[in-house]
Amino acid sequence: MKELTIIIRRHMVADTKKALEELRYPSMSIQSVDGRGKQKGVIDKNIDFGDEMRDGLSAGVRLVPTPSVYALEHHLSKPVLYVPKKMLTVVLPDGVVESAVRAVITANQTGSHGDGKIFVSPVELSVRVRTGERNEEAI
């Protein structure tokens, strides 16, 4: 079994869920997170944020500055910004990981900075609390 940690734009969750449901793996956990990648939190104003687009940014996107202490300690001339994202966690059998990764990429790839990341990690054990089922039967 593998755990996929998928970090994507917030408005892409529905498309990503649909892509995974089509593979018959609808179970996931979703969290709101803030982060930044190689673009250092800078948002490309050409990114399509869906119908909420306003002045180059989504009406719902709020950038979160780092604490000023961090900026001072690291001699940053201006605050570093974290971009709000969604993080999905999915546990899958080994045999469907590649198709799930391809489906997530297809659902999220725009070619712009901020399309997201997928991390794949091994899972040693999965247990369904209600029944005691283990491993693939539990997912």
N, C-alpha and C. Protein backbone atom coordinates (compact mmCIF):
# COMPACT_ATOMS: atom_id res chain seq x y z
N MET A 1 0.85 -1.18 0.00
CA MET A 1 0.00 0.00 0.00
C MET A 1 0.89 1.24 0.00
N LYS A 2 0.33 2.29 -0.55
CA LYS A 2 1.03 3.57 -0.61
C LYS A 2 0.10 4.69 -0.17
N GLU A 3 0.68 5.71 0.42
CA GLU A 3 -0.07 6.91 0.77
C GLU A 3 0.32 8.01 -0.21
N LEU A 4 -0.68 8.61 -0.83
CA LEU A 4 -0.45 9.76 -1.69
C LEU A 4 -0.80 11.01 -0.90
N THR A 5 0.14 11.92 -0.80
CA THR A 5 -0.11 13.23 -0.24
C THR A 5 -0.14 14.17 -1.43
N ILE A 6 -1.30 14.77 -1.68
CA ILE A 6 -1.53 15.56 -2.88
C ILE A 6 -1.81 17.00 -2.46
N ILE A 7 -0.99 17.92 -2.92
CA ILE A 7 -1.17 19.34 -2.59
C ILE A 7 -1.56 20.05 -3.89
N ILE A 8 -2.73 20.69 -3.86
CA ILE A 8 -3.28 21.29 -5.08
C ILE A 8 -3.93 22.64 -4.77
N ARG A 9 -4.29 23.35 -5.83
CA ARG A 9 -5.06 24.58 -5.67
C ARG A 9 -6.43 24.25 -5.07
N ARG A 10 -6.93 25.16 -4.28
CA ARG A 10 -8.19 24.90 -3.57
C ARG A 10 -9.36 24.64 -4.50
N HIS A 11 -9.43 25.33 -5.59
CA HIS A 11 -10.59 25.17 -6.47
C HIS A 11 -10.52 23.91 -7.33
N MET A 12 -9.42 23.15 -7.21
CA MET A 12 -9.26 21.93 -8.01
C MET A 12 -9.66 20.66 -7.25
N VAL A 13 -10.14 20.81 -6.03
CA VAL A 13 -10.49 19.63 -5.22
C VAL A 13 -11.58 18.79 -5.89
N ALA A 14 -12.64 19.42 -6.38
CA ALA A 14 -13.75 18.66 -6.97
C ALA A 14 -13.28 17.84 -8.17
N ASP A 15 -12.46 18.42 -9.04
CA ASP A 15 -11.96 17.69 -10.21
C ASP A 15 -11.06 16.53 -9.78
N THR A 16 -10.27 16.75 -8.74
CA THR A 16 -9.37 15.71 -8.26
C THR A 16 -10.16 14.58 -7.62
N LYS A 17 -11.16 14.92 -6.83
CA LYS A 17 -12.01 13.90 -6.21
C LYS A 17 -12.70 13.06 -7.29
N LYS A 18 -13.19 13.72 -8.32
CA LYS A 18 -13.87 13.01 -9.41
C LYS A 18 -12.90 12.05 -10.11
N ALA A 19 -11.68 12.50 -10.35
CA ALA A 19 -10.68 11.65 -11.02
C ALA A 19 -10.39 10.40 -10.20
N LEU A 20 -10.28 10.56 -8.88
CA LEU A 20 -10.01 9.41 -8.02
C LEU A 20 -11.24 8.51 -7.87
N GLU A 21 -12.42 9.11 -7.85
CA GLU A 21 -13.65 8.31 -7.79
C GLU A 21 -13.80 7.45 -9.04
N GLU A 22 -13.40 7.98 -10.20
CA GLU A 22 -13.47 7.21 -11.44
C GLU A 22 -12.57 5.98 -11.40
N LEU A 23 -11.53 6.03 -10.58
CA LEU A 23 -10.64 4.87 -10.38
C LEU A 23 -11.18 3.95 -9.27
N ARG A 24 -12.33 4.31 -8.72
CA ARG A 24 -12.98 3.57 -7.64
C ARG A 24 -12.25 3.70 -6.30
N TYR A 25 -11.61 4.86 -6.08
CA TYR A 25 -10.95 5.16 -4.81
C TYR A 25 -11.41 6.52 -4.32
N PRO A 26 -12.64 6.60 -3.78
CA PRO A 26 -13.19 7.89 -3.36
C PRO A 26 -12.77 8.31 -1.95
N SER A 27 -12.16 7.41 -1.17
CA SER A 27 -11.83 7.72 0.23
C SER A 27 -10.60 8.61 0.31
N MET A 28 -10.71 9.67 1.10
CA MET A 28 -9.58 10.59 1.28
C MET A 28 -9.82 11.48 2.47
N SER A 29 -8.76 12.08 2.94
CA SER A 29 -8.82 13.12 3.95
C SER A 29 -8.38 14.41 3.27
N ILE A 30 -9.01 15.52 3.65
CA ILE A 30 -8.70 16.81 3.03
C ILE A 30 -8.42 17.83 4.13
N GLN A 31 -7.33 18.58 3.96
CA GLN A 31 -6.98 19.63 4.91
C GLN A 31 -6.69 20.92 4.16
N SER A 32 -6.95 22.03 4.80
CA SER A 32 -6.53 23.32 4.27
C SER A 32 -5.12 23.59 4.78
N VAL A 33 -4.22 23.95 3.88
CA VAL A 33 -2.84 24.21 4.25
C VAL A 33 -2.36 25.48 3.59
N ASP A 34 -1.30 26.06 4.10
CA ASP A 34 -0.63 27.20 3.49
C ASP A 34 0.79 26.78 3.20
N GLY A 35 1.33 27.18 2.06
CA GLY A 35 2.69 26.81 1.74
C GLY A 35 3.23 27.60 0.58
N ARG A 36 4.41 27.22 0.15
CA ARG A 36 5.04 27.87 -0.99
C ARG A 36 5.99 26.90 -1.64
N GLY A 37 6.24 27.10 -2.90
CA GLY A 37 7.16 26.26 -3.65
C GLY A 37 8.33 27.07 -4.14
N LYS A 38 8.88 26.65 -5.26
CA LYS A 38 10.06 27.33 -5.81
C LYS A 38 9.79 28.78 -6.17
N GLN A 39 8.50 29.10 -6.43
CA GLN A 39 8.17 30.48 -6.81
C GLN A 39 8.13 31.40 -5.60
N LYS A 40 8.38 30.85 -4.40
CA LYS A 40 8.51 31.59 -3.15
C LYS A 40 7.24 32.34 -2.78
N GLY A 41 6.09 31.75 -3.08
CA GLY A 41 4.83 32.36 -2.67
C GLY A 41 4.29 33.40 -3.62
N VAL A 42 5.03 33.71 -4.67
CA VAL A 42 4.55 34.68 -5.65
C VAL A 42 3.47 34.01 -6.48
N ILE A 43 2.35 34.69 -6.66
CA ILE A 43 1.25 34.13 -7.44
C ILE A 43 1.28 34.73 -8.84
N ASP A 44 1.26 33.86 -9.83
CA ASP A 44 1.19 34.29 -11.23
C ASP A 44 -0.21 34.81 -11.51
N LYS A 45 -0.34 36.06 -11.89
CA LYS A 45 -1.66 36.64 -12.12
C LYS A 45 -2.38 36.03 -13.31
N ASN A 46 -1.68 35.22 -14.11
CA ASN A 46 -2.31 34.57 -15.26
C ASN A 46 -2.94 33.23 -14.90
N ILE A 47 -2.77 32.78 -13.66
CA ILE A 47 -3.33 31.50 -13.26
C ILE A 47 -4.84 31.61 -13.23
N ASP A 48 -5.51 30.60 -13.76
CA ASP A 48 -6.97 30.56 -13.75
C ASP A 48 -7.45 30.05 -12.40
N PHE A 49 -8.09 30.92 -11.62
CA PHE A 49 -8.63 30.54 -10.33
C PHE A 49 -10.12 30.22 -10.43
N GLY A 50 -10.61 30.03 -11.63
CA GLY A 50 -12.02 29.71 -11.80
C GLY A 50 -12.86 30.96 -11.88
N ASP A 51 -14.13 30.84 -11.55
CA ASP A 51 -15.08 31.93 -11.68
C ASP A 51 -14.87 33.05 -10.66
N GLU A 52 -14.05 32.81 -9.64
CA GLU A 52 -13.87 33.81 -8.59
C GLU A 52 -12.81 34.84 -8.93
N MET A 53 -12.28 34.83 -10.16
CA MET A 53 -11.17 35.70 -10.52
C MET A 53 -11.52 37.17 -10.31
N ARG A 54 -10.64 37.89 -9.62
CA ARG A 54 -10.83 39.32 -9.41
C ARG A 54 -9.46 39.96 -9.22
N ASP A 55 -9.12 40.90 -10.04
CA ASP A 55 -7.84 41.61 -9.95
C ASP A 55 -6.65 40.68 -9.95
N GLY A 56 -6.71 39.60 -10.73
CA GLY A 56 -5.58 38.68 -10.82
C GLY A 56 -5.53 37.65 -9.72
N LEU A 57 -6.35 37.80 -8.68
CA LEU A 57 -6.38 36.83 -7.59
C LEU A 57 -7.80 36.40 -7.34
N SER A 58 -7.95 35.20 -6.87
CA SER A 58 -9.27 34.70 -6.49
C SER A 58 -9.79 35.54 -5.33
N ALA A 59 -11.09 35.80 -5.34
CA ALA A 59 -11.69 36.57 -4.25
C ALA A 59 -11.45 35.90 -2.91
N GLY A 60 -11.32 34.57 -2.90
CA GLY A 60 -11.13 33.84 -1.66
C GLY A 60 -9.68 33.63 -1.27
N VAL A 61 -8.71 33.99 -2.13
CA VAL A 61 -7.30 33.74 -1.82
C VAL A 61 -6.77 34.84 -0.93
N ARG A 62 -6.28 34.42 0.22
CA ARG A 62 -5.62 35.36 1.12
C ARG A 62 -4.21 34.86 1.34
N LEU A 63 -3.23 35.69 1.07
CA LEU A 63 -1.85 35.30 1.28
C LEU A 63 -1.49 35.52 2.74
N VAL A 64 -0.71 34.61 3.30
CA VAL A 64 -0.38 34.66 4.71
C VAL A 64 1.09 35.00 4.88
N PRO A 65 1.41 36.16 5.46
CA PRO A 65 2.82 36.51 5.64
C PRO A 65 3.45 35.67 6.75
N THR A 66 4.75 35.45 6.62
CA THR A 66 5.46 34.75 7.68
C THR A 66 5.54 35.67 8.89
N PRO A 67 5.78 35.11 10.07
CA PRO A 67 5.96 35.97 11.24
C PRO A 67 7.12 36.93 11.01
N SER A 68 6.98 38.15 11.50
CA SER A 68 8.01 39.15 11.26
C SER A 68 9.34 38.76 11.89
N VAL A 69 9.33 37.99 12.96
CA VAL A 69 10.57 37.54 13.59
C VAL A 69 11.39 36.72 12.59
N TYR A 70 10.70 35.83 11.84
CA TYR A 70 11.39 35.02 10.84
C TYR A 70 12.02 35.93 9.79
N ALA A 71 11.27 36.91 9.32
CA ALA A 71 11.78 37.82 8.29
C ALA A 71 13.01 38.57 8.80
N LEU A 72 12.97 39.00 10.05
CA LEU A 72 14.12 39.71 10.62
C LEU A 72 15.33 38.79 10.78
N GLU A 73 15.10 37.58 11.31
CA GLU A 73 16.20 36.65 11.54
C GLU A 73 16.89 36.23 10.25
N HIS A 74 16.14 36.16 9.16
CA HIS A 74 16.70 35.71 7.89
C HIS A 74 16.97 36.87 6.93
N HIS A 75 16.96 38.08 7.45
CA HIS A 75 17.30 39.29 6.69
C HIS A 75 16.49 39.40 5.40
N LEU A 76 15.19 39.12 5.51
CA LEU A 76 14.32 39.24 4.35
C LEU A 76 13.87 40.68 4.23
N SER A 77 13.96 41.21 3.02
CA SER A 77 13.58 42.61 2.82
C SER A 77 12.06 42.79 2.84
N LYS A 78 11.31 41.74 2.52
CA LYS A 78 9.86 41.81 2.57
C LYS A 78 9.34 40.46 3.04
N PRO A 79 8.14 40.43 3.60
CA PRO A 79 7.63 39.15 4.11
C PRO A 79 7.45 38.12 3.00
N VAL A 80 7.77 36.89 3.33
CA VAL A 80 7.53 35.77 2.43
C VAL A 80 6.05 35.42 2.56
N LEU A 81 5.39 35.12 1.44
CA LEU A 81 3.97 34.82 1.49
C LEU A 81 3.72 33.34 1.28
N TYR A 82 2.78 32.82 2.04
CA TYR A 82 2.34 31.44 1.87
C TYR A 82 1.02 31.45 1.11
N VAL A 83 0.89 30.53 0.19
CA VAL A 83 -0.29 30.46 -0.65
C VAL A 83 -1.23 29.39 -0.09
N PRO A 84 -2.53 29.69 0.06
CA PRO A 84 -3.46 28.68 0.55
C PRO A 84 -3.67 27.57 -0.47
N LYS A 85 -3.63 26.33 0.00
CA LYS A 85 -3.80 25.15 -0.85
C LYS A 85 -4.68 24.15 -0.12
N LYS A 86 -5.00 23.06 -0.78
CA LYS A 86 -5.66 21.92 -0.16
C LYS A 86 -4.71 20.74 -0.22
N MET A 87 -4.70 19.95 0.86
CA MET A 87 -3.87 18.75 0.90
C MET A 87 -4.79 17.55 1.06
N LEU A 88 -4.72 16.65 0.09
CA LEU A 88 -5.51 15.43 0.12
C LEU A 88 -4.59 14.28 0.47
N THR A 89 -5.07 13.38 1.33
CA THR A 89 -4.32 12.20 1.69
C THR A 89 -5.15 10.99 1.28
N VAL A 90 -4.55 10.09 0.49
CA VAL A 90 -5.23 8.93 -0.04
C VAL A 90 -4.32 7.72 0.15
N VAL A 91 -4.88 6.60 0.64
CA VAL A 91 -4.12 5.36 0.74
C VAL A 91 -4.67 4.39 -0.30
N LEU A 92 -3.76 3.85 -1.10
CA LEU A 92 -4.15 3.01 -2.24
C LEU A 92 -3.32 1.73 -2.29
N PRO A 93 -3.86 0.68 -2.91
CA PRO A 93 -3.05 -0.51 -3.18
C PRO A 93 -1.93 -0.15 -4.16
N ASP A 94 -0.81 -0.85 -4.06
CA ASP A 94 0.34 -0.57 -4.92
C ASP A 94 0.00 -0.56 -6.40
N GLY A 95 -0.88 -1.46 -6.83
CA GLY A 95 -1.17 -1.62 -8.25
C GLY A 95 -1.88 -0.46 -8.91
N VAL A 96 -2.46 0.45 -8.16
CA VAL A 96 -3.18 1.57 -8.77
C VAL A 96 -2.51 2.92 -8.57
N VAL A 97 -1.35 2.91 -7.94
CA VAL A 97 -0.67 4.18 -7.62
C VAL A 97 -0.34 4.97 -8.88
N GLU A 98 0.25 4.34 -9.86
CA GLU A 98 0.64 5.06 -11.09
C GLU A 98 -0.58 5.64 -11.81
N SER A 99 -1.66 4.87 -11.89
CA SER A 99 -2.85 5.40 -12.56
C SER A 99 -3.46 6.53 -11.75
N ALA A 100 -3.40 6.47 -10.43
CA ALA A 100 -3.90 7.56 -9.58
C ALA A 100 -3.06 8.81 -9.75
N VAL A 101 -1.74 8.65 -9.80
CA VAL A 101 -0.85 9.80 -10.01
C VAL A 101 -1.16 10.45 -11.36
N ARG A 102 -1.31 9.65 -12.41
CA ARG A 102 -1.63 10.20 -13.73
C ARG A 102 -2.97 10.93 -13.71
N ALA A 103 -3.96 10.36 -13.01
CA ALA A 103 -5.29 10.99 -12.94
C ALA A 103 -5.22 12.33 -12.22
N VAL A 104 -4.46 12.40 -11.14
CA VAL A 104 -4.32 13.66 -10.39
C VAL A 104 -3.61 14.71 -11.25
N ILE A 105 -2.57 14.29 -11.96
CA ILE A 105 -1.86 15.23 -12.83
C ILE A 105 -2.80 15.75 -13.92
N THR A 106 -3.54 14.86 -14.55
CA THR A 106 -4.47 15.26 -15.61
C THR A 106 -5.50 16.25 -15.09
N ALA A 107 -5.99 16.04 -13.88
CA ALA A 107 -7.02 16.91 -13.31
C ALA A 107 -6.48 18.27 -12.89
N ASN A 108 -5.16 18.38 -12.64
CA ASN A 108 -4.62 19.60 -12.05
C ASN A 108 -3.60 20.35 -12.89
N GLN A 109 -3.07 19.75 -13.92
CA GLN A 109 -1.96 20.36 -14.66
C GLN A 109 -2.42 21.49 -15.56
N THR A 110 -1.90 22.69 -15.28
CA THR A 110 -2.16 23.85 -16.14
C THR A 110 -0.88 24.31 -16.82
N GLY A 111 0.26 23.86 -16.32
CA GLY A 111 1.55 24.31 -16.84
C GLY A 111 2.08 25.53 -16.14
N SER A 112 1.36 26.02 -15.13
CA SER A 112 1.78 27.20 -14.38
C SER A 112 2.34 26.80 -13.03
N HIS A 113 3.16 27.69 -12.45
CA HIS A 113 3.63 27.47 -11.09
C HIS A 113 2.43 27.30 -10.18
N GLY A 114 2.53 26.41 -9.22
CA GLY A 114 1.45 26.25 -8.25
C GLY A 114 0.47 25.15 -8.59
N ASP A 115 0.74 24.38 -9.66
CA ASP A 115 -0.16 23.28 -10.01
C ASP A 115 -0.24 22.24 -8.90
N GLY A 116 0.82 22.09 -8.13
CA GLY A 116 0.77 21.18 -6.99
C GLY A 116 1.92 20.21 -6.94
N LYS A 117 1.83 19.32 -5.96
CA LYS A 117 2.84 18.27 -5.76
C LYS A 117 2.12 17.01 -5.33
N ILE A 118 2.73 15.87 -5.65
CA ILE A 118 2.25 14.57 -5.19
C ILE A 118 3.44 13.86 -4.56
N PHE A 119 3.26 13.41 -3.33
CA PHE A 119 4.28 12.64 -2.64
C PHE A 119 3.73 11.24 -2.41
N VAL A 120 4.52 10.22 -2.69
CA VAL A 120 4.10 8.83 -2.52
C VAL A 120 4.98 8.21 -1.44
N SER A 121 4.33 7.66 -0.40
CA SER A 121 5.04 7.07 0.73
C SER A 121 4.52 5.66 1.00
N PRO A 122 5.37 4.77 1.50
CA PRO A 122 4.90 3.42 1.83
C PRO A 122 4.03 3.45 3.09
N VAL A 123 3.05 2.55 3.12
CA VAL A 123 2.18 2.38 4.30
C VAL A 123 2.39 0.95 4.79
N GLU A 124 2.79 0.81 6.03
CA GLU A 124 3.06 -0.52 6.59
C GLU A 124 1.79 -1.25 7.02
N LEU A 125 0.81 -0.52 7.52
CA LEU A 125 -0.38 -1.17 8.06
C LEU A 125 -1.55 -0.22 7.97
N SER A 126 -2.71 -0.76 7.63
CA SER A 126 -3.96 -0.02 7.64
C SER A 126 -4.97 -0.87 8.39
N VAL A 127 -5.70 -0.27 9.34
CA VAL A 127 -6.68 -1.01 10.12
C VAL A 127 -7.97 -0.21 10.18
N ARG A 128 -9.08 -0.86 9.81
CA ARG A 128 -10.39 -0.25 9.95
C ARG A 128 -10.82 -0.46 11.41
N VAL A 129 -11.01 0.62 12.13
CA VAL A 129 -11.32 0.54 13.56
C VAL A 129 -12.63 -0.20 13.81
N ARG A 130 -13.64 0.06 13.02
CA ARG A 130 -14.96 -0.54 13.24
C ARG A 130 -14.94 -2.06 13.18
N THR A 131 -14.21 -2.62 12.20
CA THR A 131 -14.28 -4.08 11.97
C THR A 131 -12.99 -4.82 12.30
N GLY A 132 -11.88 -4.09 12.40
CA GLY A 132 -10.60 -4.75 12.61
C GLY A 132 -9.95 -5.23 11.32
N GLU A 133 -10.61 -4.99 10.16
CA GLU A 133 -10.02 -5.38 8.88
C GLU A 133 -8.66 -4.70 8.73
N ARG A 134 -7.76 -5.38 8.02
CA ARG A 134 -6.41 -4.88 7.88
C ARG A 134 -5.99 -4.72 6.42
N ASN A 135 -5.06 -3.81 6.23
CA ASN A 135 -4.41 -3.56 4.94
C ASN A 135 -5.41 -3.25 3.84
N GLU A 136 -5.33 -3.90 2.68
CA GLU A 136 -6.17 -3.50 1.55
C GLU A 136 -7.66 -3.65 1.84
N GLU A 137 -8.05 -4.61 2.69
CA GLU A 137 -9.46 -4.75 3.04
C GLU A 137 -9.93 -3.54 3.85
N ALA A 138 -9.02 -2.86 4.52
CA ALA A 138 -9.37 -1.71 5.35
C ALA A 138 -9.48 -0.42 4.55
N ILE A 139 -8.94 -0.43 3.33
CA ILE A 139 -9.03 0.81 2.55
C ILE A 139 -10.08 0.66 1.50
